Protein backbone atom coordinates (compact mmCIF):
# COMPACT_ATOMS: atom_id res chain seq x y z
CA MET A 1 35.04 32.48 -2.49
CA SER A 2 34.49 35.91 -0.80
CA LYS A 3 36.50 37.04 2.06
CA GLY A 4 35.51 39.97 4.59
CA THR A 5 35.80 41.14 8.26
CA ILE A 6 33.46 41.37 11.10
CA VAL A 7 32.34 44.94 12.04
CA LYS A 8 29.64 44.38 14.47
CA VAL A 9 28.44 41.22 16.61
CA SER A 10 25.07 41.17 18.37
CA GLY A 11 24.52 37.79 19.86
CA PRO A 12 24.05 35.13 17.07
CA LEU A 13 23.94 38.06 14.28
CA VAL A 14 27.22 39.08 12.89
CA ILE A 15 27.66 41.86 10.27
CA ALA A 16 30.91 41.65 8.03
CA GLU A 17 32.06 44.05 5.43
CA GLY A 18 33.76 43.27 2.13
CA MET A 19 31.34 40.79 1.07
CA LYS A 20 30.07 41.87 -2.14
CA ASP A 21 30.74 38.74 -4.01
CA ALA A 22 28.78 36.76 -1.60
CA ASN A 23 25.18 35.59 -2.13
CA MET A 24 21.95 35.30 -0.16
CA PHE A 25 22.02 32.24 2.04
CA ASP A 26 25.67 31.22 1.32
CA VAL A 27 27.18 29.31 4.13
CA VAL A 28 30.29 31.31 5.90
CA HIS A 29 33.07 30.39 8.30
CA VAL A 30 33.36 33.11 10.95
CA SER A 31 36.70 34.03 12.51
CA GLU A 32 39.51 31.61 13.19
CA SER A 33 37.50 29.05 15.10
CA ASN A 34 35.51 28.47 11.88
CA LEU A 35 32.13 28.96 13.28
CA ILE A 36 29.22 28.08 10.53
CA GLY A 37 27.09 30.89 9.70
CA GLU A 38 24.39 31.58 6.83
CA ILE A 39 24.43 35.09 5.14
CA ILE A 40 20.57 36.25 5.83
CA GLU A 41 20.75 39.76 4.42
CA MET A 42 22.97 41.70 2.05
CA HIS A 43 23.42 45.53 2.03
CA ASN A 44 26.06 46.65 -0.63
CA ASP A 45 29.23 45.04 0.67
CA LYS A 46 27.80 44.34 4.20
CA ALA A 47 26.50 40.79 4.93
CA SER A 48 24.28 39.99 8.18
CA ILE A 49 25.22 36.53 9.05
CA GLN A 50 23.13 34.09 11.19
CA VAL A 51 25.82 32.18 13.18
CA TYR A 52 24.71 28.64 14.26
CA GLU A 53 27.10 28.48 17.17
CA GLU A 54 28.02 30.41 20.40
CA THR A 55 29.70 33.87 19.35
CA ALA A 56 31.01 34.89 22.64
CA GLY A 57 34.56 36.33 22.54
CA LEU A 58 34.08 37.65 18.83
CA GLY A 59 35.18 40.93 17.77
CA PRO A 60 35.37 43.39 14.94
CA GLY A 61 38.30 43.00 12.57
CA GLU A 62 38.06 39.08 12.71
CA PRO A 63 37.85 37.08 9.04
CA VAL A 64 34.70 36.01 7.42
CA VAL A 65 35.16 33.65 4.67
CA SER A 66 32.31 32.54 2.38
CA THR A 67 32.01 28.86 0.88
CA GLY A 68 30.01 30.10 -2.03
CA TYR A 69 27.58 27.23 -1.14
CA PRO A 70 23.93 27.39 0.43
CA LEU A 71 23.41 25.60 3.85
CA SER A 72 23.00 22.06 2.56
CA VAL A 73 22.31 18.43 4.18
CA GLU A 74 24.32 15.27 2.99
CA LEU A 75 21.74 12.57 1.80
CA GLY A 76 22.80 8.87 1.40
CA PRO A 77 23.32 5.83 3.40
CA GLY A 78 23.88 6.32 7.06
CA LEU A 79 21.03 8.63 7.95
CA ILE A 80 18.93 6.09 9.71
CA GLY A 81 19.19 5.67 13.37
CA LYS A 82 21.18 8.88 13.59
CA ILE A 83 21.02 11.87 16.03
CA PHE A 84 22.08 15.14 14.44
CA ASP A 85 21.90 18.86 15.60
CA GLY A 86 20.07 21.73 13.76
CA ILE A 87 22.65 21.90 11.14
CA GLN A 88 23.33 18.19 10.41
CA ARG A 89 26.44 17.55 12.73
CA PRO A 90 26.11 13.92 14.24
CA LEU A 91 25.86 14.39 18.12
CA GLU A 92 27.21 10.90 18.96
CA GLU A 93 30.28 11.21 17.04
CA ILE A 94 31.06 14.73 18.65
CA ARG A 95 30.45 13.46 22.01
CA GLU A 96 33.17 10.77 21.35
CA MET A 97 35.48 13.31 20.12
CA VAL A 98 34.91 16.21 22.70
CA GLY A 99 32.61 14.91 25.45
CA SER A 100 28.85 15.95 26.10
CA ASN A 101 29.09 19.65 25.27
CA ILE A 102 29.79 20.77 21.69
CA THR A 103 32.69 22.68 21.17
CA ARG A 104 32.81 25.75 18.99
CA GLY A 105 34.03 25.44 15.39
CA ILE A 106 33.80 21.61 15.47
CA GLN A 107 33.25 20.10 11.91
CA VAL A 108 32.31 16.69 11.69
CA SER A 109 30.81 14.80 8.48
CA PRO A 110 27.22 14.18 8.83
CA ILE A 111 27.53 10.84 7.01
CA ASP A 112 30.52 8.38 7.94
CA LYS A 113 32.86 8.76 4.73
CA LYS A 114 34.79 5.50 5.48
CA LYS A 115 32.19 3.04 6.11
CA LYS A 116 31.59 0.71 3.29
CA TRP A 117 27.97 -0.11 2.25
CA LYS A 118 26.93 -3.08 0.11
CA PHE A 119 25.73 -1.36 -3.47
CA THR A 120 23.12 -3.75 -5.21
CA PRO A 121 22.48 -2.30 -8.87
CA VAL A 122 18.91 -2.81 -10.12
CA ILE A 123 19.61 -1.42 -13.46
CA ALA A 124 21.85 -2.76 -16.32
CA LYS A 125 24.66 -1.06 -18.52
CA GLY A 126 23.15 1.04 -21.21
CA THR A 127 19.91 1.86 -19.58
CA LYS A 128 18.64 5.16 -20.29
CA VAL A 129 18.09 7.07 -16.91
CA SER A 130 16.83 10.43 -15.89
CA GLN A 131 16.65 12.68 -12.53
CA GLY A 132 14.97 10.52 -9.82
CA ASP A 133 15.46 6.98 -11.24
CA ILE A 134 16.70 4.35 -8.85
CA ILE A 135 19.98 2.86 -9.81
CA GLY A 136 20.81 0.47 -7.06
CA THR A 137 19.90 -0.11 -3.26
CA VAL A 138 21.74 -0.46 -0.10
CA GLN A 139 20.38 -2.31 3.07
CA GLU A 140 20.73 0.48 5.55
CA THR A 141 19.03 -1.23 8.31
CA VAL A 142 17.02 -4.37 8.55
CA VAL A 143 13.88 -2.26 7.94
CA VAL A 144 14.99 0.37 5.49
CA GLU A 145 16.33 -0.27 2.20
CA HIS A 146 18.12 2.85 0.85
CA ARG A 147 17.29 3.51 -2.62
CA ILE A 148 20.26 5.49 -4.70
CA MET A 149 18.65 7.95 -6.88
CA VAL A 150 20.00 9.77 -10.08
CA PRO A 151 20.83 13.53 -8.57
CA PHE A 152 18.64 16.25 -9.93
CA GLY A 153 19.54 17.59 -13.32
CA ILE A 154 21.11 14.74 -14.70
CA SER A 155 19.99 12.38 -17.37
CA GLY A 156 21.75 10.10 -20.03
CA ILE A 157 22.91 6.45 -20.70
CA ILE A 158 24.50 4.55 -18.06
CA GLU A 159 28.20 3.40 -19.21
CA GLU A 160 29.13 1.87 -16.16
CA ILE A 161 27.55 0.40 -13.09
CA PHE A 162 29.42 -1.45 -10.44
CA GLU A 163 28.31 -4.08 -7.57
CA GLY A 164 30.01 -4.49 -4.28
CA GLU A 165 31.20 -2.52 -1.37
CA PHE A 166 31.89 0.99 -1.46
CA THR A 167 32.02 4.21 0.66
CA VAL A 168 29.41 7.03 0.10
CA GLU A 169 31.77 9.05 -1.99
CA ASP A 170 33.00 6.03 -4.38
CA THR A 171 31.86 6.11 -7.70
CA VAL A 172 29.11 3.46 -8.39
CA ALA A 173 27.80 4.36 -11.90
CA VAL A 174 28.97 6.50 -14.57
CA VAL A 175 26.32 8.29 -16.78
CA LYS A 176 27.14 9.61 -20.26
CA LYS A 177 24.74 12.82 -20.76
CA ASP A 178 23.26 13.71 -24.07
CA ASN A 179 25.99 16.17 -24.81
CA GLY A 180 28.84 13.72 -24.65
CA GLU A 181 30.00 14.76 -20.68
CA LYS A 182 30.36 11.78 -18.52
CA VAL A 183 29.36 12.15 -14.88
CA ASN A 184 30.26 9.62 -11.87
CA LEU A 185 27.58 9.04 -9.52
CA SER A 186 28.29 8.20 -5.77
CA MET A 187 25.84 6.97 -3.18
CA MET A 188 25.74 10.66 -1.59
CA GLN A 189 24.15 13.82 -2.88
CA ARG A 190 23.79 17.14 -1.41
CA TRP A 191 20.69 19.71 -1.14
CA PRO A 192 20.03 22.95 -0.09
CA VAL A 193 17.78 22.93 2.91
CA ARG A 194 15.61 25.95 2.17
CA GLN A 195 14.52 24.87 -1.21
CA GLY A 196 12.05 22.03 -1.70
CA ARG A 197 13.03 19.02 -3.64
CA PRO A 198 11.17 18.75 -6.84
CA TYR A 199 8.56 16.20 -7.80
CA LYS A 200 6.31 15.34 -10.73
CA GLN A 201 2.86 15.82 -9.23
CA LYS A 202 1.17 16.76 -6.07
CA LEU A 203 -1.61 14.31 -5.16
CA ALA A 204 -4.84 14.82 -3.13
CA PRO A 205 -4.74 12.83 0.14
CA LYS A 206 -6.96 10.01 0.21
CA GLU A 207 -6.12 7.46 2.92
CA PRO A 208 -5.62 8.14 6.89
CA ILE A 209 -2.26 7.57 8.64
CA VAL A 210 -3.30 5.29 11.39
CA THR A 211 -1.87 6.34 14.59
CA GLY A 212 -3.36 3.98 17.05
CA GLN A 213 -4.83 6.96 19.46
CA ARG A 214 -8.44 6.60 19.61
CA VAL A 215 -9.31 10.17 19.84
CA ILE A 216 -7.40 10.93 16.73
CA ASP A 217 -8.15 7.99 14.58
CA THR A 218 -12.00 8.16 15.31
CA LEU A 219 -12.86 11.91 15.95
CA PHE A 220 -10.16 13.88 14.08
CA PRO A 221 -8.25 11.70 11.59
CA LEU A 222 -5.09 12.88 9.78
CA ALA A 223 -4.40 11.99 6.19
CA LYS A 224 -1.13 10.35 4.74
CA GLY A 225 0.54 13.61 3.39
CA GLY A 226 -1.47 16.04 5.22
CA VAL A 227 -0.67 18.55 8.18
CA ALA A 228 -1.72 18.70 11.72
CA ALA A 229 -1.08 21.25 14.49
CA VAL A 230 -1.14 20.17 18.23
CA PRO A 231 -1.43 23.56 20.25
CA GLY A 232 -1.64 23.31 23.91
CA PRO A 233 -0.39 25.03 27.08
CA PHE A 234 2.59 23.82 29.38
CA GLY A 235 1.85 20.27 30.86
CA SER A 236 -1.15 19.27 28.59
CA GLY A 237 0.91 16.54 26.98
CA LYS A 238 2.07 17.77 23.40
CA THR A 239 5.55 16.03 23.82
CA VAL A 240 3.65 12.78 24.75
CA VAL A 241 1.28 13.09 21.93
CA GLN A 242 4.28 13.67 19.46
CA HIS A 243 6.21 10.75 20.88
CA GLN A 244 3.07 8.48 20.49
CA LEU A 245 2.59 9.49 16.83
CA ALA A 246 6.27 8.91 16.24
CA LYS A 247 6.00 5.51 17.72
CA TRP A 248 2.82 4.27 16.18
CA ALA A 249 1.93 6.07 13.05
CA ASP A 250 1.96 3.69 10.12
CA ALA A 251 4.78 5.52 8.10
CA GLU A 252 7.60 3.59 6.93
CA ILE A 253 10.32 6.56 8.06
CA VAL A 254 9.80 8.59 11.12
CA VAL A 255 11.67 12.03 11.32
CA TYR A 256 11.54 13.76 14.86
CA ILE A 257 12.81 17.36 15.35
CA GLY A 258 13.01 18.53 18.89
CA CYS A 259 13.38 22.15 18.14
CA GLY A 260 14.13 24.12 21.18
CA GLU A 261 12.56 21.57 23.56
CA ARG A 262 13.63 20.87 27.10
CA GLY A 263 16.88 18.69 27.21
CA ASN A 264 15.07 16.04 29.28
CA GLU A 265 12.28 15.72 26.86
CA MET A 266 14.57 14.92 24.14
CA THR A 267 16.54 12.56 26.56
CA ASP A 268 13.35 10.60 26.82
CA VAL A 269 13.16 10.26 22.88
CA LEU A 270 16.86 9.07 22.73
CA MET A 271 16.31 6.78 25.72
CA GLU A 272 12.80 5.40 24.75
CA PHE A 273 13.19 4.87 20.79
CA PRO A 274 16.05 2.46 20.77
CA GLU A 275 14.33 0.26 23.25
CA LEU A 276 10.85 0.46 21.66
CA LYS A 277 9.67 -2.49 19.58
CA ASP A 278 8.13 -1.16 16.05
CA PRO A 279 4.75 -3.00 15.95
CA ARG A 280 5.24 -3.10 11.95
CA THR A 281 8.41 -4.96 11.87
CA GLY A 282 9.37 -6.04 15.55
CA GLU A 283 12.53 -4.41 15.44
CA SER A 284 13.78 -1.17 17.32
CA LEU A 285 11.99 2.16 16.26
CA MET A 286 15.18 3.61 15.72
CA LYS A 287 15.61 1.29 12.58
CA ARG A 288 13.41 3.79 10.85
CA THR A 289 13.98 7.00 12.55
CA VAL A 290 15.96 10.00 12.05
CA LEU A 291 16.35 12.48 15.10
CA ILE A 292 17.06 16.01 14.89
CA ALA A 293 17.97 17.47 18.31
CA ASN A 294 18.34 21.03 18.99
CA THR A 295 17.53 21.72 22.67
CA SER A 296 16.79 25.03 24.26
CA ASP A 297 20.23 25.39 25.53
CA MET A 298 21.75 25.15 22.32
CA PRO A 299 22.44 28.11 20.05
CA VAL A 300 19.05 29.95 19.15
CA ALA A 301 19.85 30.42 15.60
CA ALA A 302 20.30 26.73 14.74
CA ARG A 303 16.84 26.08 15.88
CA GLU A 304 15.97 28.38 12.79
CA ALA A 305 17.70 25.79 10.54
CA SER A 306 16.62 22.47 12.50
CA ILE A 307 13.09 22.33 10.97
CA TYR A 308 14.33 22.84 7.14
CA THR A 309 17.14 20.22 7.99
CA GLY A 310 14.41 17.88 9.05
CA ILE A 311 12.10 18.42 6.18
CA THR A 312 14.72 17.92 3.55
CA ILE A 313 15.77 14.57 4.82
CA ALA A 314 12.07 13.81 4.84
CA GLU A 315 11.85 14.76 1.35
CA TYR A 316 14.71 12.70 0.14
CA PHE A 317 13.21 9.44 1.86
CA ARG A 318 9.77 10.77 0.22
CA ASP A 319 11.56 10.46 -3.13
CA MET A 320 12.56 6.89 -2.61
CA GLY A 321 8.70 6.38 -2.67
CA TYR A 322 8.35 5.99 1.07
CA SER A 323 5.70 7.43 3.51
CA VAL A 324 7.43 9.72 6.02
CA ALA A 325 5.83 11.24 9.32
CA LEU A 326 7.78 14.35 10.46
CA MET A 327 7.09 15.71 14.07
CA ALA A 328 8.26 19.09 14.88
CA ASP A 329 8.32 19.75 18.57
CA SER A 330 7.79 22.66 18.84
CA THR A 331 7.42 25.32 16.04
CA SER A 332 6.62 28.07 18.83
CA ARG A 333 10.43 27.88 19.83
CA TRP A 334 11.45 28.05 15.94
CA ALA A 335 9.28 31.09 15.68
CA GLU A 336 11.00 32.69 18.84
CA ALA A 337 14.46 32.05 16.87
CA LEU A 338 13.02 34.04 14.20
CA ARG A 339 11.99 36.88 16.50
CA GLU A 340 15.21 37.07 17.91
CA MET A 341 17.00 37.28 14.81
CA SER A 342 14.42 39.58 13.45
CA GLY A 343 15.00 41.88 16.66
CA ARG A 344 18.80 41.87 16.13
CA LEU A 345 18.56 43.06 12.57
CA GLU A 346 16.35 45.62 13.49
CA GLU A 347 13.41 44.81 11.36
CA MET A 348 9.83 46.29 11.90
CA PRO A 349 8.30 44.05 14.55
CA GLY A 350 4.55 42.47 13.71
CA GLU A 351 2.20 41.21 16.11
CA GLU A 352 3.74 40.43 19.65
CA GLY A 353 7.21 41.35 18.20
CA TYR A 354 7.29 38.42 15.74
CA PRO A 355 8.40 39.28 12.13
CA ALA A 356 5.95 40.25 9.67
CA TYR A 357 7.06 37.22 7.67
CA LEU A 358 6.25 34.65 10.32
CA ALA A 359 2.96 33.37 8.50
CA SER A 360 5.12 33.12 5.02
CA ARG A 361 7.66 31.04 6.50
CA LEU A 362 5.26 28.70 8.36
CA ALA A 363 3.37 28.27 5.09
CA GLN A 364 6.60 27.38 3.36
CA PHE A 365 7.41 24.84 5.98
CA TYR A 366 4.19 23.32 6.00
CA GLU A 367 3.60 23.28 2.18
CA ARG A 368 6.49 20.91 1.84
CA ALA A 369 4.35 18.10 3.25
CA GLY A 370 1.84 16.13 0.77
CA ARG A 371 1.33 13.04 -1.19
CA VAL A 372 3.36 13.22 -4.41
CA ILE A 373 4.11 11.28 -7.51
CA THR A 374 8.11 11.65 -7.46
CA LEU A 375 10.47 12.16 -10.46
CA GLY A 376 11.93 8.97 -11.97
CA THR A 377 10.47 5.82 -13.07
CA ASN A 378 12.78 3.12 -14.23
CA GLY A 379 10.24 1.73 -16.45
CA THR A 380 8.31 0.36 -13.56
CA GLY A 381 5.79 2.95 -13.50
CA GLU A 382 5.22 5.92 -11.35
CA ARG A 383 6.48 6.09 -7.52
CA GLU A 384 4.30 7.54 -4.90
CA GLY A 385 5.82 8.88 -1.65
CA SER A 386 4.37 11.33 0.99
CA ILE A 387 5.32 13.36 4.16
CA THR A 388 2.79 13.80 6.91
CA VAL A 389 3.71 16.93 9.12
CA ILE A 390 2.60 17.00 12.68
CA GLY A 391 3.88 20.34 14.12
CA ALA A 392 3.35 20.82 18.13
CA VAL A 393 2.73 24.61 19.20
CA SER A 394 3.34 26.08 22.56
CA PRO A 395 1.01 29.17 22.98
CA PRO A 396 2.34 31.07 26.13
CA GLY A 397 -0.52 30.43 28.82
CA GLY A 398 -2.28 28.40 26.44
CA ASP A 399 -3.74 31.27 24.44
CA ILE A 400 -4.41 29.96 20.81
CA SER A 401 -5.31 33.35 19.64
CA GLU A 402 -1.45 34.42 19.74
CA PRO A 403 0.38 34.66 16.15
CA VAL A 404 2.14 31.34 15.84
CA THR A 405 -1.11 29.47 16.56
CA GLN A 406 -3.25 31.44 14.33
CA ALA A 407 -0.90 31.41 11.48
CA THR A 408 -0.49 27.66 11.84
CA LEU A 409 -4.28 27.06 11.92
CA ARG A 410 -4.42 29.11 8.54
CA ILE A 411 -2.55 26.43 7.05
CA VAL A 412 -3.07 22.97 8.47
CA LYS A 413 -6.13 20.95 7.96
CA VAL A 414 -6.30 19.33 11.54
CA PHE A 415 -6.28 20.97 14.85
CA TRP A 416 -5.95 18.74 17.96
CA GLY A 417 -6.51 21.32 20.63
CA LEU A 418 -5.07 20.28 24.07
CA ASP A 419 -6.94 21.29 27.14
CA ALA A 420 -5.20 22.23 30.51
CA SER A 421 -8.52 21.35 32.21
CA LEU A 422 -8.55 17.88 30.90
CA ALA A 423 -4.81 17.27 31.49
CA TYR A 424 -5.63 18.76 35.29
CA ARG A 425 -8.30 16.10 35.68
CA ARG A 426 -5.65 13.33 34.31
CA HIS A 427 -7.53 12.96 31.04
CA PHE A 428 -5.04 11.92 28.62
CA PRO A 429 -4.53 12.52 25.52
CA ALA A 430 -6.04 15.85 26.46
CA ILE A 431 -7.39 16.83 23.01
CA ASN A 432 -10.70 18.66 23.53
CA TRP A 433 -13.32 16.99 21.38
CA LEU A 434 -15.64 20.31 21.17
CA LEU A 435 -12.67 22.36 20.20
CA SER A 436 -10.57 20.16 17.84
CA TYR A 437 -11.37 19.50 14.18
CA SER A 438 -10.15 17.61 11.16
CA LEU A 439 -10.89 18.84 7.41
CA TYR A 440 -10.05 15.75 5.97
CA LEU A 441 -13.10 13.83 7.32
CA ASP A 442 -14.99 14.00 3.97
CA THR A 443 -11.99 12.78 2.09
CA LEU A 444 -11.14 9.92 4.34
CA ASP A 445 -14.88 8.71 5.09
CA SER A 446 -14.93 6.68 1.97
CA TRP A 447 -11.91 4.91 2.79
CA LEU A 448 -12.89 4.29 6.53
CA ASN A 449 -15.98 2.75 5.30
CA ALA A 450 -14.62 0.72 2.73
CA HIS A 451 -11.48 -0.71 4.85
CA VAL A 452 -12.96 -0.71 8.43
CA ALA A 453 -16.81 -0.79 8.61
CA LYS A 454 -19.76 0.41 6.74
CA ASP A 455 -21.19 2.13 9.70
CA TRP A 456 -17.86 3.77 10.89
CA ILE A 457 -18.93 7.06 10.10
CA SER A 458 -22.60 6.95 11.36
CA MET A 459 -21.11 5.72 14.71
CA ARG A 460 -18.50 8.42 14.85
CA ASN A 461 -21.51 10.90 14.47
CA ASP A 462 -23.41 9.17 17.18
CA LEU A 463 -20.18 9.56 19.30
CA MET A 464 -19.78 13.09 18.90
CA LYS A 465 -23.45 13.96 19.11
CA LEU A 466 -23.49 12.34 22.54
CA LEU A 467 -20.20 14.26 23.75
CA GLN A 468 -22.21 17.54 22.62
CA GLU A 469 -25.44 16.74 24.21
CA GLU A 470 -23.31 16.06 27.42
CA SER A 471 -21.76 19.69 27.27
CA GLU A 472 -25.37 21.16 27.00
CA LEU A 473 -26.51 19.12 29.79
CA GLU A 474 -23.63 19.99 32.24
CA GLU A 475 -24.95 23.33 32.78
CA ILE A 476 -28.36 22.28 33.87
CA VAL A 477 -26.60 19.59 36.15
CA ARG A 478 -24.67 22.17 37.81
CA LEU A 479 -27.70 24.43 38.55
CA VAL A 480 -30.32 21.70 39.72
CA GLY A 481 -28.31 18.41 40.13
CA VAL A 482 -28.34 15.17 38.19
CA ASP A 483 -31.50 13.80 39.84
CA ALA A 484 -33.58 16.67 38.29
CA LEU A 485 -32.98 15.22 34.75
CA SER A 486 -35.19 12.73 33.23
CA PRO A 487 -34.03 9.22 32.96
CA GLU A 488 -33.14 9.75 29.03
CA ASP A 489 -30.96 12.39 30.00
CA ARG A 490 -29.36 10.53 32.76
CA LEU A 491 -28.40 7.74 30.26
CA LYS A 492 -27.01 10.36 27.92
CA LEU A 493 -24.54 11.71 30.61
CA GLU A 494 -23.88 8.03 31.63
CA ALA A 495 -23.17 7.14 27.96
CA ALA A 496 -21.02 10.36 27.24
CA LYS A 497 -18.89 9.26 30.52
CA SER A 498 -18.60 5.97 29.19
CA ILE A 499 -17.15 7.43 26.01
CA ARG A 500 -14.72 9.76 27.63
CA GLU A 501 -13.42 7.26 30.28
CA ASP A 502 -13.49 3.98 28.37
CA TYR A 503 -12.85 5.22 24.91
CA LEU A 504 -11.04 8.65 24.56
CA HIS A 505 -8.99 8.16 27.58
CA GLN A 506 -5.80 6.43 26.68
CA ASN A 507 -2.81 5.41 28.69
CA ALA A 508 0.37 5.90 26.62
CA PHE A 509 2.51 4.25 29.13
CA HIS A 510 0.13 0.81 29.39
CA ASP A 511 1.59 -1.98 27.07
CA ILE A 512 -1.66 -2.76 25.64
CA ASP A 513 -3.50 0.56 25.92
CA THR A 514 -0.93 2.53 24.13
CA TYR A 515 -1.96 1.39 20.85
CA THR A 516 -5.48 0.37 19.47
CA SER A 517 -5.80 -0.92 15.83
CA LEU A 518 -8.81 0.49 13.76
CA GLU A 519 -10.47 -2.99 14.26
CA LYS A 520 -10.46 -2.72 17.92
CA GLN A 521 -11.56 0.95 17.86
CA TYR A 522 -14.61 -0.05 15.89
CA ARG A 523 -15.45 -2.98 18.23
CA MET A 524 -15.26 -0.73 21.42
CA MET A 525 -17.39 2.13 19.78
CA LYS A 526 -19.69 -0.55 18.93
CA LEU A 527 -19.75 -1.87 22.38
CA ILE A 528 -20.36 1.42 23.83
CA LEU A 529 -23.19 2.53 21.42
CA ASP A 530 -24.88 -0.96 21.65
CA PHE A 531 -25.26 -0.50 25.44
CA TYR A 532 -26.58 3.07 25.22
CA TYR A 533 -29.06 2.01 22.35
CA LYS A 534 -30.22 -1.10 24.52
CA ALA A 535 -30.21 0.73 27.55
CA LYS A 536 -32.56 3.30 25.78
CA ASN A 537 -34.89 0.44 24.40
CA ALA A 538 -34.95 -0.97 28.23
CA LEU A 539 -35.97 2.50 29.58
CA SER A 540 -38.81 2.72 26.86
CA ASN A 541 -40.00 -0.72 28.19
CA GLY A 542 -40.18 0.55 31.86
CA ALA A 543 -36.71 -0.77 33.34
CA ASP A 544 -35.26 1.31 36.13
CA ILE A 545 -32.20 3.47 35.30
CA ARG A 546 -30.32 2.52 38.51
CA GLN A 547 -30.73 -1.17 37.41
CA ILE A 548 -29.18 -0.58 33.89
CA PHE A 549 -26.30 1.51 35.60
CA ASN A 550 -25.61 -1.48 37.82
CA LEU A 551 -25.28 -4.34 35.13
CA PRO A 552 -22.20 -6.41 35.64
CA VAL A 553 -21.45 -6.10 32.09
CA ARG A 554 -20.54 -2.44 32.42
CA GLU A 555 -17.38 -3.29 34.19
CA LYS A 556 -16.23 -5.37 31.37
CA ILE A 557 -17.26 -2.70 28.76
CA GLY A 558 -14.87 -0.19 30.72
CA ARG A 559 -12.02 -2.73 30.67
CA ALA A 560 -12.51 -3.51 27.08
CA LYS A 561 -9.45 -1.14 26.13
CA TYR A 562 -7.05 -3.73 27.91
CA ILE A 563 -7.90 -6.68 25.62
CA PRO A 564 -4.96 -7.63 23.76
CA GLU A 565 -5.09 -7.15 19.86
CA GLU A 566 -5.11 -11.17 19.22
CA GLN A 567 -7.99 -11.83 21.37
CA VAL A 568 -10.21 -8.80 20.06
CA SER A 569 -12.71 -10.96 18.00
CA LYS A 570 -13.37 -13.76 20.50
CA ALA A 571 -13.41 -11.20 23.92
CA PHE A 572 -15.77 -8.60 22.12
CA SER A 573 -18.18 -11.07 21.00
CA GLU A 574 -18.44 -12.61 24.41
CA ILE A 575 -19.25 -9.14 26.02
CA GLU A 576 -21.60 -8.43 23.37
CA THR A 577 -23.17 -11.64 24.17
CA GLU A 578 -23.39 -10.93 27.78
CA LEU A 579 -24.67 -7.44 27.09
CA ASN A 580 -27.46 -8.75 25.07
CA ASN A 581 -28.36 -11.34 27.76
CA GLN A 582 -28.48 -8.96 30.84
CA MET A 583 -30.43 -6.46 28.77
CA ASP A 584 -32.98 -9.02 27.62
CA ALA A 585 -33.31 -10.33 31.29
CA LEU A 586 -34.00 -6.55 32.70
CA ILE A 587 -36.56 -6.02 29.90
CA SER A 588 -38.37 -9.58 30.38
CA LYS A 589 -38.56 -8.94 34.04
CA GLU A 590 -40.29 -5.39 33.42
CA VAL A 591 -42.53 -7.14 31.10
CA ILE A 592 -43.61 -9.91 33.66
CA LYS A 593 -44.36 -7.20 36.13
């Protein structure tokens, strides 16, 4: 344990001397108040410390004590449904102790050490185990079965294993290692946040993560184990998109990191999530969610740690064999914390004042996503888990050429570009279909064709083609007006308008429209395109364009998104029949003429 004294305080940066025995990234206790900090730079016996709490009132001469351990998180039963700050302090417990403002130097155990959990062994005495093997389970919530794993670096024979109610620190099994040493296993383990948890093999993504958001699932899908970025200016709906993905994405565990976000946005999450019914289970969404809240009024340095805390918790559940969705809202605020610390360290600034290592730090974070084969088998074959990361980016003024957005786009494979002009027109989600892209399309196409419909890809391509043709025709319309266009071009504009308003526009706060299954998305796409192709045929048979636009069925096509999921098959078949009859009647009228 290294002990030094403060020589300089510069906001969240504290410089201490006499720390030659300390290591990089060690956690330290600063001053008599026991403020938590982390060593981020060493010069001879001087350590530069990033303090995760308010440093007002600190001065030279105060003690600094190193713990000798890196910044780590506690992993075990009791994580689900909890709200932590950036360094894994439980906020609800802190509020009960000291009120709504966090007091400096307060230390509360992240996981309740007194609560007893029912441990059920899944292996017998005498079984040979290695790192990552599951030795037992705990029913943490009605939705999540917490799987207790052998910690990293331990293998041997199970000498004892117990069943019953234990705290997370009690011994639940004893392992005799190959060298004869006995190790007591508890239900809790610690892991340093800046180090990725090991796995056996990384796999290529092959199936989509279904979000229920039509513009995402249809046009720009994200793969399980993939990474996506949602950049957009102020007021374009980044946080609502993140909330929607957290609510509806078909992941088994959700980790939501509010990194430097406004307090009221985090409040929305904290108020909404417990009330929301999970579509997968019918239970509260909080029963499979971990929240990390580090709002903009909390110490800036803890912002930097929050995304590492979040991704480490996500990796822990991935190692159990779960698919995890992680929302980071927003990585720009995290980058701002990096910039502040870099400035105080007097490092040479890079572009726009961000540190030169911004891109590599972002890559380190996003590269911890992925679909993997985990360590451990238990004789039951390989376990597969995945982490899907969706990071919101807040470029100042919506300028996506700024460093954080550009560094993110070099790493991620899905870009959902939010557009201020769409948001201004109240078109939400404001994802611009001409700017956005998904590089997973080729990978996912075979899955979508096999599991949803054979013509899914061709329909999506037709949809995109109509939207692109609309943008080309808009310029002509602005110059000469819509009446100067040919009937065929007017029909294209009308079909594209239907795609935009009836399909891509989705109300996050409507009970039915908030989520659309892939089956319903397919039926909606088919309905809009059927109208377009049948109208095109009617035009070639001499039908009047105005009569086509005034067909009564058009109202039903526009309102199809409000059809409940359980009525989809019957209701859509009726609308399709109605469309066919009205189009046939129009064509036969023209033929009789």
